[in-house]
């Protein structure tokens, strides 16, 4: 438990399922006030609200598209209205789809970039604006990926968006460090979330994925949530501008494990 997080106001985008849900529940265990943003899964978001409250926190739910400026501004207003302020902002909402790059429709490219990169920019901008105006040493956490570093064929739009998030984070961290505002990335590897369910249900595909992970297993959403609360807490007070990879070693060239190569 991180006692300094108690009563902190946390906005988590894309919090109705997957990593967002796990983070919301974990911040609930830390007795935080959690704003659960969702795009299209209202029933799931309401269930997460109950789970946060059962864990010991408080929660409120709001629909919004993170690629739309007004929706993101509304998230800040909603946090102030519900809980009186804002302390931690987590840009978690993200999408992906697999298409050979030479066949990738512009519409698909723009949709992924708008959600994953523009959404992270808008969220970061609005949170930092609030922190600066209110002289708050706030905290922004962006959800990146191992694919800010590892190329991913047929996911060029996704990889490009996460590469952008990397430098977005580093630039904001450098710019606002003098004000005590910290900005960091989490870079998950293969995690057992709904977006990966179909792939991981296939025994051969699961084995293929596990072969790329030195620790040898698919991560749990709760393991990413543990990273998020640490980055949000004062335990990480001297950490800003990094990507903390939580990937079982996936970014460490596992093909060379055991002397191969």
C-alpha atoms as a PDB file:
ATOM      1  CA  UNK A   1       0.000   0.000   0.000  1.00  0.00           C
ATOM      2  CA  UNK A   2       1.106   3.559  -0.779  1.00  0.00           C
ATOM      3  CA  UNK A   3      -0.412   5.740   1.930  1.00  0.00           C
ATOM      4  CA  UNK A   4       0.466   8.936   0.062  1.00  0.00           C
ATOM      5  CA  UNK A   5      -2.033   7.971  -2.650  1.00  0.00           C
ATOM      6  CA  UNK A   6      -5.047   7.976  -0.333  1.00  0.00           C
ATOM      7  CA  UNK A   7      -7.730  10.430  -1.501  1.00  0.00           C
ATOM      8  CA  UNK A   8      -5.754  11.324  -4.626  1.00  0.00           C
ATOM      9  CA  UNK A   9      -7.892  11.931  -7.711  1.00  0.00           C
ATOM     10  CA  UNK A  10      -6.941   9.665 -10.620  1.00  0.00           C
ATOM     11  CA  UNK A  11      -8.289   9.874 -14.171  1.00  0.00           C
ATOM     12  CA  UNK A  12      -7.856   6.673 -16.195  1.00  0.00           C
ATOM     13  CA  UNK A  13      -8.865   6.681 -19.847  1.00  0.00           C
ATOM     14  CA  UNK A  14     -10.121   3.458 -21.407  1.00  0.00           C
ATOM     15  CA  UNK A  15     -10.785   2.045 -17.950  1.00  0.00           C
ATOM     16  CA  UNK A  16     -13.765  -0.215 -18.613  1.00  0.00           C
ATOM     17  CA  UNK A  17     -11.708  -3.292 -19.589  1.00  0.00           C
ATOM     18  CA  UNK A  18      -8.205  -4.754 -19.660  1.00  0.00           C
ATOM     19  CA  UNK A  19      -5.313  -2.772 -18.242  1.00  0.00           C
ATOM     20  CA  UNK A  20      -7.511   0.226 -17.477  1.00  0.00           C
ATOM     21  CA  UNK A  21      -9.835  -1.888 -15.366  1.00  0.00           C
ATOM     22  CA  UNK A  22      -6.939  -3.465 -13.470  1.00  0.00           C
ATOM     23  CA  UNK A  23      -5.415  -0.060 -12.752  1.00  0.00           C
ATOM     24  CA  UNK A  24      -8.743   1.369 -11.602  1.00  0.00           C
ATOM     25  CA  UNK A  25      -9.229  -1.472  -9.135  1.00  0.00           C
ATOM     26  CA  UNK A  26      -5.660  -1.184  -7.837  1.00  0.00           C
ATOM     27  CA  UNK A  27      -6.018   2.565  -7.286  1.00  0.00           C
ATOM     28  CA  UNK A  28      -9.259   1.727  -5.485  1.00  0.00           C
ATOM     29  CA  UNK A  29      -7.269  -0.513  -3.141  1.00  0.00           C
ATOM     30  CA  UNK A  30      -5.015   2.485  -2.523  1.00  0.00           C
ATOM     31  CA  UNK A  31      -8.190   4.368  -1.471  1.00  0.00           C
ATOM     32  CA  UNK A  32      -8.056   6.791  -4.373  1.00  0.00           C
ATOM     33  CA  UNK A  33     -10.882   8.667  -6.063  1.00  0.00           C
ATOM     34  CA  UNK A  34     -10.992   7.167  -9.555  1.00  0.00           C
ATOM     35  CA  UNK A  35     -12.517   8.654 -12.697  1.00  0.00           C
ATOM     36  CA  UNK A  36     -13.357   5.771 -15.029  1.00  0.00           C
ATOM     37  CA  UNK A  37     -13.439   6.928 -18.631  1.00  0.00           C
ATOM     38  CA  UNK A  38     -14.882   4.655 -21.308  1.00  0.00           C
ATOM     39  CA  UNK A  39     -15.682   4.950 -24.997  1.00  0.00           C
ATOM     40  CA  UNK A  40     -18.329   2.301 -25.712  1.00  0.00           C
ATOM     41  CA  UNK A  41     -18.554  -0.212 -22.835  1.00  0.00           C
ATOM     42  CA  UNK A  42     -20.986   1.423 -20.404  1.00  0.00           C
ATOM     43  CA  UNK A  43     -22.028  -1.741 -18.557  1.00  0.00           C
ATOM     44  CA  UNK A  44     -18.425  -2.825 -18.090  1.00  0.00           C
ATOM     45  CA  UNK A  45     -17.500   0.658 -16.821  1.00  0.00           C
ATOM     46  CA  UNK A  46     -20.278   0.537 -14.231  1.00  0.00           C
ATOM     47  CA  UNK A  47     -19.014  -2.872 -13.082  1.00  0.00           C
ATOM     48  CA  UNK A  48     -15.509  -1.430 -12.695  1.00  0.00           C
ATOM     49  CA  UNK A  49     -16.982   1.393 -10.585  1.00  0.00           C
ATOM     50  CA  UNK A  50     -18.442  -1.218  -8.229  1.00  0.00           C
ATOM     51  CA  UNK A  51     -15.132  -3.084  -8.135  1.00  0.00           C
ATOM     52  CA  UNK A  52     -13.240   0.095  -7.262  1.00  0.00           C
ATOM     53  CA  UNK A  53     -15.680   0.878  -4.475  1.00  0.00           C
ATOM     54  CA  UNK A  54     -15.573  -2.687  -3.166  1.00  0.00           C
ATOM     55  CA  UNK A  55     -11.782  -2.383  -3.094  1.00  0.00           C
ATOM     56  CA  UNK A  56     -11.994   0.653  -0.813  1.00  0.00           C
ATOM     57  CA  UNK A  57     -11.922   3.618  -3.180  1.00  0.00           C
ATOM     58  CA  UNK A  58     -14.462   5.984  -4.666  1.00  0.00           C
ATOM     59  CA  UNK A  59     -15.306   6.128  -8.350  1.00  0.00           C
ATOM     60  CA  UNK A  60     -17.285   7.955 -11.003  1.00  0.00           C
ATOM     61  CA  UNK A  61     -17.914   7.007 -14.633  1.00  0.00           C
ATOM     62  CA  UNK A  62     -17.867   9.208 -17.734  1.00  0.00           C
ATOM     63  CA  UNK A  63     -18.082   8.442 -21.447  1.00  0.00           C
ATOM     64  CA  UNK A  64     -15.680  10.200 -23.774  1.00  0.00           C
ATOM     65  CA  UNK A  65     -13.573   9.897 -26.916  1.00  0.00           C
ATOM     66  CA  UNK A  66      -9.958  10.709 -26.049  1.00  0.00           C
ATOM     67  CA  UNK A  67      -9.260  11.845 -29.608  1.00  0.00           C
ATOM     68  CA  UNK A  68     -11.775  14.710 -29.205  1.00  0.00           C
ATOM     69  CA  UNK A  69     -10.565  17.871 -27.513  1.00  0.00           C
ATOM     70  CA  UNK A  70     -13.864  18.761 -25.858  1.00  0.00           C
ATOM     71  CA  UNK A  71     -14.324  15.259 -24.450  1.00  0.00           C
ATOM     72  CA  UNK A  72     -10.885  15.418 -22.829  1.00  0.00           C
ATOM     73  CA  UNK A  73     -11.572  18.877 -21.394  1.00  0.00           C
ATOM     74  CA  UNK A  74     -14.806  17.457 -19.983  1.00  0.00           C
ATOM     75  CA  UNK A  75     -12.813  14.752 -18.197  1.00  0.00           C
ATOM     76  CA  UNK A  76     -10.928  17.409 -16.241  1.00  0.00           C
ATOM     77  CA  UNK A  77     -14.138  19.285 -15.406  1.00  0.00           C
ATOM     78  CA  UNK A  78     -15.798  16.039 -14.347  1.00  0.00           C
ATOM     79  CA  UNK A  79     -12.919  15.140 -12.018  1.00  0.00           C
ATOM     80  CA  UNK A  80     -13.146  18.565 -10.362  1.00  0.00           C
ATOM     81  CA  UNK A  81     -16.932  18.318 -10.102  1.00  0.00           C
ATOM     82  CA  UNK A  82     -16.904  14.808  -8.623  1.00  0.00           C
ATOM     83  CA  UNK A  83     -13.843  14.915  -6.374  1.00  0.00           C
ATOM     84  CA  UNK A  84     -12.637  18.510  -6.186  1.00  0.00           C
ATOM     85  CA  UNK A  85      -9.461  18.318  -8.224  1.00  0.00           C
ATOM     86  CA  UNK A  86      -6.944  16.229 -10.129  1.00  0.00           C
ATOM     87  CA  UNK A  87      -3.644  14.635  -9.084  1.00  0.00           C
ATOM     88  CA  UNK A  88      -2.852  11.760 -11.480  1.00  0.00           C
ATOM     89  CA  UNK A  89      -3.738  11.317 -15.150  1.00  0.00           C
ATOM     90  CA  UNK A  90      -3.280   7.994 -16.941  1.00  0.00           C
ATOM     91  CA  UNK A  91      -3.521   7.927 -20.738  1.00  0.00           C
ATOM     92  CA  UNK A  92      -4.441   4.281 -21.159  1.00  0.00           C
ATOM     93  CA  UNK A  93      -7.006   4.234 -24.001  1.00  0.00           C
ATOM     94  CA  UNK A  94      -5.617   2.592 -27.108  1.00  0.00           C
ATOM     95  CA  UNK A  95      -6.557   0.550 -30.156  1.00  0.00           C
ATOM     96  CA  UNK A  96      -4.795  -1.663 -32.704  1.00  0.00           C
ATOM     97  CA  UNK A  97      -5.498  -3.807 -35.759  1.00  0.00           C
ATOM     98  CA  UNK A  98      -3.335  -5.882 -38.059  1.00  0.00           C
ATOM     99  CA  UNK A  99      -3.061  -4.871 -41.722  1.00  0.00           C
ATOM    100  CA  UNK A 100      -0.143  -5.295 -44.162  1.00  0.00           C
ATOM    101  CA  UNK A 101       1.419  -1.845 -44.356  1.00  0.00           C
ATOM    102  CA  UNK A 102       1.097  -1.537 -48.141  1.00  0.00           C
ATOM    103  CA  UNK A 103      -2.637  -2.227 -47.795  1.00  0.00           C
ATOM    104  CA  UNK A 104      -3.285  -0.052 -44.719  1.00  0.00           C
ATOM    105  CA  UNK A 105      -6.221   2.315 -45.327  1.00  0.00           C
ATOM    106  CA  UNK A 106      -5.612   5.932 -44.383  1.00  0.00           C
ATOM    107  CA  UNK A 107      -8.749   5.722 -42.260  1.00  0.00           C
ATOM    108  CA  UNK A 108      -7.193   2.976 -40.116  1.00  0.00           C
ATOM    109  CA  UNK A 109      -3.913   4.881 -39.793  1.00  0.00           C
ATOM    110  CA  UNK A 110      -5.688   8.062 -38.685  1.00  0.00           C
ATOM    111  CA  UNK A 111      -7.967   6.256 -36.231  1.00  0.00           C
ATOM    112  CA  UNK A 112      -5.066   4.572 -34.407  1.00  0.00           C
ATOM    113  CA  UNK A 113      -2.899   7.712 -34.386  1.00  0.00           C
ATOM    114  CA  UNK A 114      -5.818   9.835 -33.137  1.00  0.00           C
ATOM    115  CA  UNK A 115      -6.617   7.498 -30.255  1.00  0.00           C
ATOM    116  CA  UNK A 116      -3.148   6.371 -29.211  1.00  0.00           C
ATOM    117  CA  UNK A 117      -1.030   9.466 -29.847  1.00  0.00           C
ATOM    118  CA  UNK A 118      -3.354  12.465 -30.156  1.00  0.00           C
ATOM    119  CA  UNK A 119      -5.351  11.112 -27.212  1.00  0.00           C
ATOM    120  CA  UNK A 120      -2.194  10.909 -25.103  1.00  0.00           C
ATOM    121  CA  UNK A 121      -1.247  14.459 -26.145  1.00  0.00           C
ATOM    122  CA  UNK A 122      -4.668  15.903 -25.315  1.00  0.00           C
ATOM    123  CA  UNK A 123      -4.845  14.127 -21.970  1.00  0.00           C
ATOM    124  CA  UNK A 124      -1.327  15.155 -21.030  1.00  0.00           C
ATOM    125  CA  UNK A 125      -1.911  18.738 -22.128  1.00  0.00           C
ATOM    126  CA  UNK A 126      -5.127  19.186 -20.192  1.00  0.00           C
ATOM    127  CA  UNK A 127      -3.769  17.522 -17.053  1.00  0.00           C
ATOM    128  CA  UNK A 128      -0.558  19.562 -17.123  1.00  0.00           C
ATOM    129  CA  UNK A 129      -2.527  22.739 -17.760  1.00  0.00           C
ATOM    130  CA  UNK A 130      -4.541  22.061 -14.610  1.00  0.00           C
ATOM    131  CA  UNK A 131      -1.405  21.242 -12.617  1.00  0.00           C
ATOM    132  CA  UNK A 132       0.366  24.437 -13.730  1.00  0.00           C
ATOM    133  CA  UNK A 133      -2.625  26.689 -13.102  1.00  0.00           C
ATOM    134  CA  UNK A 134      -3.119  25.254  -9.611  1.00  0.00           C
ATOM    135  CA  UNK A 135       0.556  24.865  -8.683  1.00  0.00           C
ATOM    136  CA  UNK A 136       0.201  21.086  -8.264  1.00  0.00           C
ATOM    137  CA  UNK A 137       3.111  18.678  -8.575  1.00  0.00           C
ATOM    138  CA  UNK A 138       0.982  16.284 -10.556  1.00  0.00           C
ATOM    139  CA  UNK A 139       1.694  13.047 -12.312  1.00  0.00           C
ATOM    140  CA  UNK A 140       1.039  11.902 -15.893  1.00  0.00           C
ATOM    141  CA  UNK A 141       1.452   8.255 -16.883  1.00  0.00           C
ATOM    142  CA  UNK A 142       1.212   7.228 -20.528  1.00  0.00           C
ATOM    143  CA  UNK A 143       0.570   3.691 -21.637  1.00  0.00           C
ATOM    144  CA  UNK A 144       3.138   2.907 -24.297  1.00  0.00           C
ATOM    145  CA  UNK A 145       4.260  -0.565 -25.387  1.00  0.00           C
ATOM    146  CA  UNK A 146       7.298  -2.679 -26.097  1.00  0.00           C
ATOM    147  CA  UNK A 147       6.530  -1.603 -29.662  1.00  0.00           C
ATOM    148  CA  UNK A 148       7.856   1.870 -29.027  1.00  0.00           C
ATOM    149  CA  UNK A 149      11.145  -0.035 -29.358  1.00  0.00           C
ATOM    150  CA  UNK A 150      10.392  -3.311 -31.176  1.00  0.00           C
ATOM    151  CA  UNK A 151       9.214  -3.012 -34.821  1.00  0.00           C
ATOM    152  CA  UNK A 152       5.909  -4.817 -35.432  1.00  0.00           C
ATOM    153  CA  UNK A 153       5.090  -5.778 -39.024  1.00  0.00           C
ATOM    154  CA  UNK A 154       1.433  -5.295 -40.028  1.00  0.00           C
ATOM    155  CA  UNK A 155       0.995  -2.915 -37.085  1.00  0.00           C
ATOM    156  CA  UNK A 156       2.892   0.064 -38.488  1.00  0.00           C
ATOM    157  CA  UNK A 157       0.261   2.574 -37.299  1.00  0.00           C
ATOM    158  CA  UNK A 158       0.329   1.145 -33.774  1.00  0.00           C
ATOM    159  CA  UNK A 159       4.134   1.062 -33.589  1.00  0.00           C
ATOM    160  CA  UNK A 160       4.332   4.611 -34.953  1.00  0.00           C
ATOM    161  CA  UNK A 161       1.832   5.812 -32.356  1.00  0.00           C
ATOM    162  CA  UNK A 162       3.802   4.269 -29.495  1.00  0.00           C
ATOM    163  CA  UNK A 163       7.086   5.631 -30.837  1.00  0.00           C
ATOM    164  CA  UNK A 164       5.406   9.020 -30.781  1.00  0.00           C
ATOM    165  CA  UNK A 165       4.221   8.510 -27.207  1.00  0.00           C
ATOM    166  CA  UNK A 166       7.819   7.814 -26.187  1.00  0.00           C
ATOM    167  CA  UNK A 167       9.078  11.214 -27.341  1.00  0.00           C
ATOM    168  CA  UNK A 168       5.886  12.948 -26.221  1.00  0.00           C
ATOM    169  CA  UNK A 169       6.561  11.658 -22.721  1.00  0.00           C
ATOM    170  CA  UNK A 170      10.255  12.494 -22.724  1.00  0.00           C
ATOM    171  CA  UNK A 171       9.661  16.016 -24.037  1.00  0.00           C
ATOM    172  CA  UNK A 172       6.915  16.809 -21.535  1.00  0.00           C
ATOM    173  CA  UNK A 173       8.987  15.363 -18.690  1.00  0.00           C
ATOM    174  CA  UNK A 174      11.897  17.639 -19.579  1.00  0.00           C
ATOM    175  CA  UNK A 175       9.702  20.699 -20.085  1.00  0.00           C
ATOM    176  CA  UNK A 176       7.730  20.457 -16.840  1.00  0.00           C
ATOM    177  CA  UNK A 177      10.263  18.958 -14.430  1.00  0.00           C
ATOM    178  CA  UNK A 178      11.066  22.449 -13.040  1.00  0.00           C
ATOM    179  CA  UNK A 179       7.453  22.624 -11.859  1.00  0.00           C
ATOM    180  CA  UNK A 180       7.671  19.259 -10.128  1.00  0.00           C
ATOM    181  CA  UNK A 181       5.353  17.583 -12.649  1.00  0.00           C
ATOM    182  CA  UNK A 182       6.431  14.042 -13.529  1.00  0.00           C
ATOM    183  CA  UNK A 183       5.619  12.320 -16.826  1.00  0.00           C
ATOM    184  CA  UNK A 184       6.439   8.656 -17.442  1.00  0.00           C
ATOM    185  CA  UNK A 185       5.570   5.747 -19.727  1.00  0.00           C
ATOM    186  CA  UNK A 186       4.671   2.171 -18.953  1.00  0.00           C
ATOM    187  CA  UNK A 187       5.684  -0.233 -21.736  1.00  0.00           C
ATOM    188  CA  UNK A 188       3.745  -3.497 -21.338  1.00  0.00           C
ATOM    189  CA  UNK A 189       4.741  -6.617 -23.195  1.00  0.00           C
ATOM    190  CA  UNK A 190       2.324  -9.491 -23.852  1.00  0.00           C
ATOM    191  CA  UNK A 191      -0.457  -9.186 -21.270  1.00  0.00           C
ATOM    192  CA  UNK A 192      -3.521 -11.379 -20.834  1.00  0.00           C
ATOM    193  CA  UNK A 193      -6.201  -8.797 -21.706  1.00  0.00           C
ATOM    194  CA  UNK A 194      -9.371  -8.980 -23.846  1.00  0.00           C
ATOM    195  CA  UNK A 195      -7.531  -7.543 -26.856  1.00  0.00           C
ATOM    196  CA  UNK A 196      -5.225 -10.599 -26.802  1.00  0.00           C
ATOM    197  CA  UNK A 197      -7.820 -13.252 -25.918  1.00  0.00           C
ATOM    198  CA  UNK A 198      -8.246 -14.685 -29.421  1.00  0.00           C
ATOM    199  CA  UNK A 199      -4.513 -15.028 -30.017  1.00  0.00           C
ATOM    200  CA  UNK A 200      -3.779 -16.536 -26.605  1.00  0.00           C
ATOM    201  CA  UNK A 201      -6.650 -19.029 -26.908  1.00  0.00           C
ATOM    202  CA  UNK A 202      -4.723 -20.763 -29.699  1.00  0.00           C
ATOM    203  CA  UNK A 203      -2.175 -23.078 -28.018  1.00  0.00           C
ATOM    204  CA  UNK A 204       0.426 -22.701 -30.779  1.00  0.00           C
ATOM    205  CA  UNK A 205       0.107 -18.922 -30.940  1.00  0.00           C
ATOM    206  CA  UNK A 206       0.366 -18.730 -27.156  1.00  0.00           C
ATOM    207  CA  UNK A 207       3.497 -20.892 -27.242  1.00  0.00           C
ATOM    208  CA  UNK A 208       4.970 -18.635 -29.940  1.00  0.00           C
ATOM    209  CA  UNK A 209       4.350 -15.552 -27.801  1.00  0.00           C
ATOM    210  CA  UNK A 210       5.772 -17.178 -24.683  1.00  0.00           C
ATOM    211  CA  UNK A 211       8.921 -18.057 -26.605  1.00  0.00           C
ATOM    212  CA  UNK A 212       9.582 -14.324 -26.983  1.00  0.00           C
ATOM    213  CA  UNK A 213       9.433 -13.731 -23.220  1.00  0.00           C
ATOM    214  CA  UNK A 214      12.535 -14.620 -21.170  1.00  0.00           C
ATOM    215  CA  UNK A 215      10.438 -15.061 -18.007  1.00  0.00           C
ATOM    216  CA  UNK A 216       8.343 -17.549 -19.992  1.00  0.00           C
ATOM    217  CA  UNK A 217       4.781 -16.465 -19.249  1.00  0.00           C
ATOM    218  CA  UNK A 218       2.103 -14.006 -20.365  1.00  0.00           C
ATOM    219  CA  UNK A 219       1.786 -11.069 -17.981  1.00  0.00           C
ATOM    220  CA  UNK A 220      -1.266 -10.294 -15.876  1.00  0.00           C
ATOM    221  CA  UNK A 221      -3.058  -6.918 -15.943  1.00  0.00           C
ATOM    222  CA  UNK A 222      -2.480  -6.662 -12.195  1.00  0.00           C
ATOM    223  CA  UNK A 223       1.277  -6.668 -12.822  1.00  0.00           C
ATOM    224  CA  UNK A 224       0.919  -3.539 -14.953  1.00  0.00           C
ATOM    225  CA  UNK A 225      -1.367  -1.947 -12.364  1.00  0.00           C
ATOM    226  CA  UNK A 226       1.365  -2.477  -9.761  1.00  0.00           C
ATOM    227  CA  UNK A 227       3.777  -0.501 -11.941  1.00  0.00           C
ATOM    228  CA  UNK A 228       1.229   2.302 -12.341  1.00  0.00           C
ATOM    229  CA  UNK A 229       0.653   2.835  -8.618  1.00  0.00           C
ATOM    230  CA  UNK A 230       4.410   2.866  -7.991  1.00  0.00           C
ATOM    231  CA  UNK A 231       4.944   5.504 -10.677  1.00  0.00           C
ATOM    232  CA  UNK A 232       2.062   7.533  -9.232  1.00  0.00           C
ATOM    233  CA  UNK A 233       3.401   7.358  -5.680  1.00  0.00           C
ATOM    234  CA  UNK A 234       6.151   9.314  -3.933  1.00  0.00           C
ATOM    235  CA  UNK A 235       8.188   6.086  -3.885  1.00  0.00           C
ATOM    236  CA  UNK A 236       9.137   7.012  -7.461  1.00  0.00           C
ATOM    237  CA  UNK A 237       9.585  10.725  -6.732  1.00  0.00           C
ATOM    238  CA  UNK A 238      12.965  10.907  -8.521  1.00  0.00           C
ATOM    239  CA  UNK A 239      11.702   9.186 -11.676  1.00  0.00           C
ATOM    240  CA  UNK A 240      10.552  11.144 -14.716  1.00  0.00           C
ATOM    241  CA  UNK A 241      10.820  10.839 -18.495  1.00  0.00           C
ATOM    242  CA  UNK A 242      11.315   7.078 -18.610  1.00  0.00           C
ATOM    243  CA  UNK A 243       9.594   4.113 -20.179  1.00  0.00           C
ATOM    244  CA  UNK A 244       9.343   1.405 -17.554  1.00  0.00           C
ATOM    245  CA  UNK A 245       9.057  -1.817 -19.538  1.00  0.00           C
ATOM    246  CA  UNK A 246       6.953  -4.450 -17.787  1.00  0.00           C
ATOM    247  CA  UNK A 247       7.468  -7.157 -20.373  1.00  0.00           C
ATOM    248  CA  UNK A 248       9.058 -10.230 -18.823  1.00  0.00           C
ATOM    249  CA  UNK A 249      12.257  -9.281 -20.647  1.00  0.00           C
ATOM    250  CA  UNK A 250      10.745  -9.146 -24.147  1.00  0.00           C
ATOM    251  CA  UNK A 251      12.798  -6.076 -25.065  1.00  0.00           C
ATOM    252  CA  UNK A 252      16.058  -7.884 -24.174  1.00  0.00           C
ATOM    253  CA  UNK A 253      16.486  -9.868 -27.414  1.00  0.00           C
ATOM    254  CA  UNK A 254      15.214 -13.247 -26.136  1.00  0.00           C
ATOM    255  CA  UNK A 255      16.475 -15.036 -29.279  1.00  0.00           C
ATOM    256  CA  UNK A 256      19.960 -14.675 -27.763  1.00  0.00           C
ATOM    257  CA  UNK A 257      18.901 -16.326 -24.484  1.00  0.00           C
ATOM    258  CA  UNK A 258      20.981 -19.318 -23.411  1.00  0.00           C
ATOM    259  CA  UNK A 259      23.841 -18.331 -25.727  1.00  0.00           C
ATOM    260  CA  UNK A 260      21.945 -18.618 -28.997  1.00  0.00           C
ATOM    261  CA  UNK A 261      22.984 -16.345 -31.826  1.00  0.00           C
END
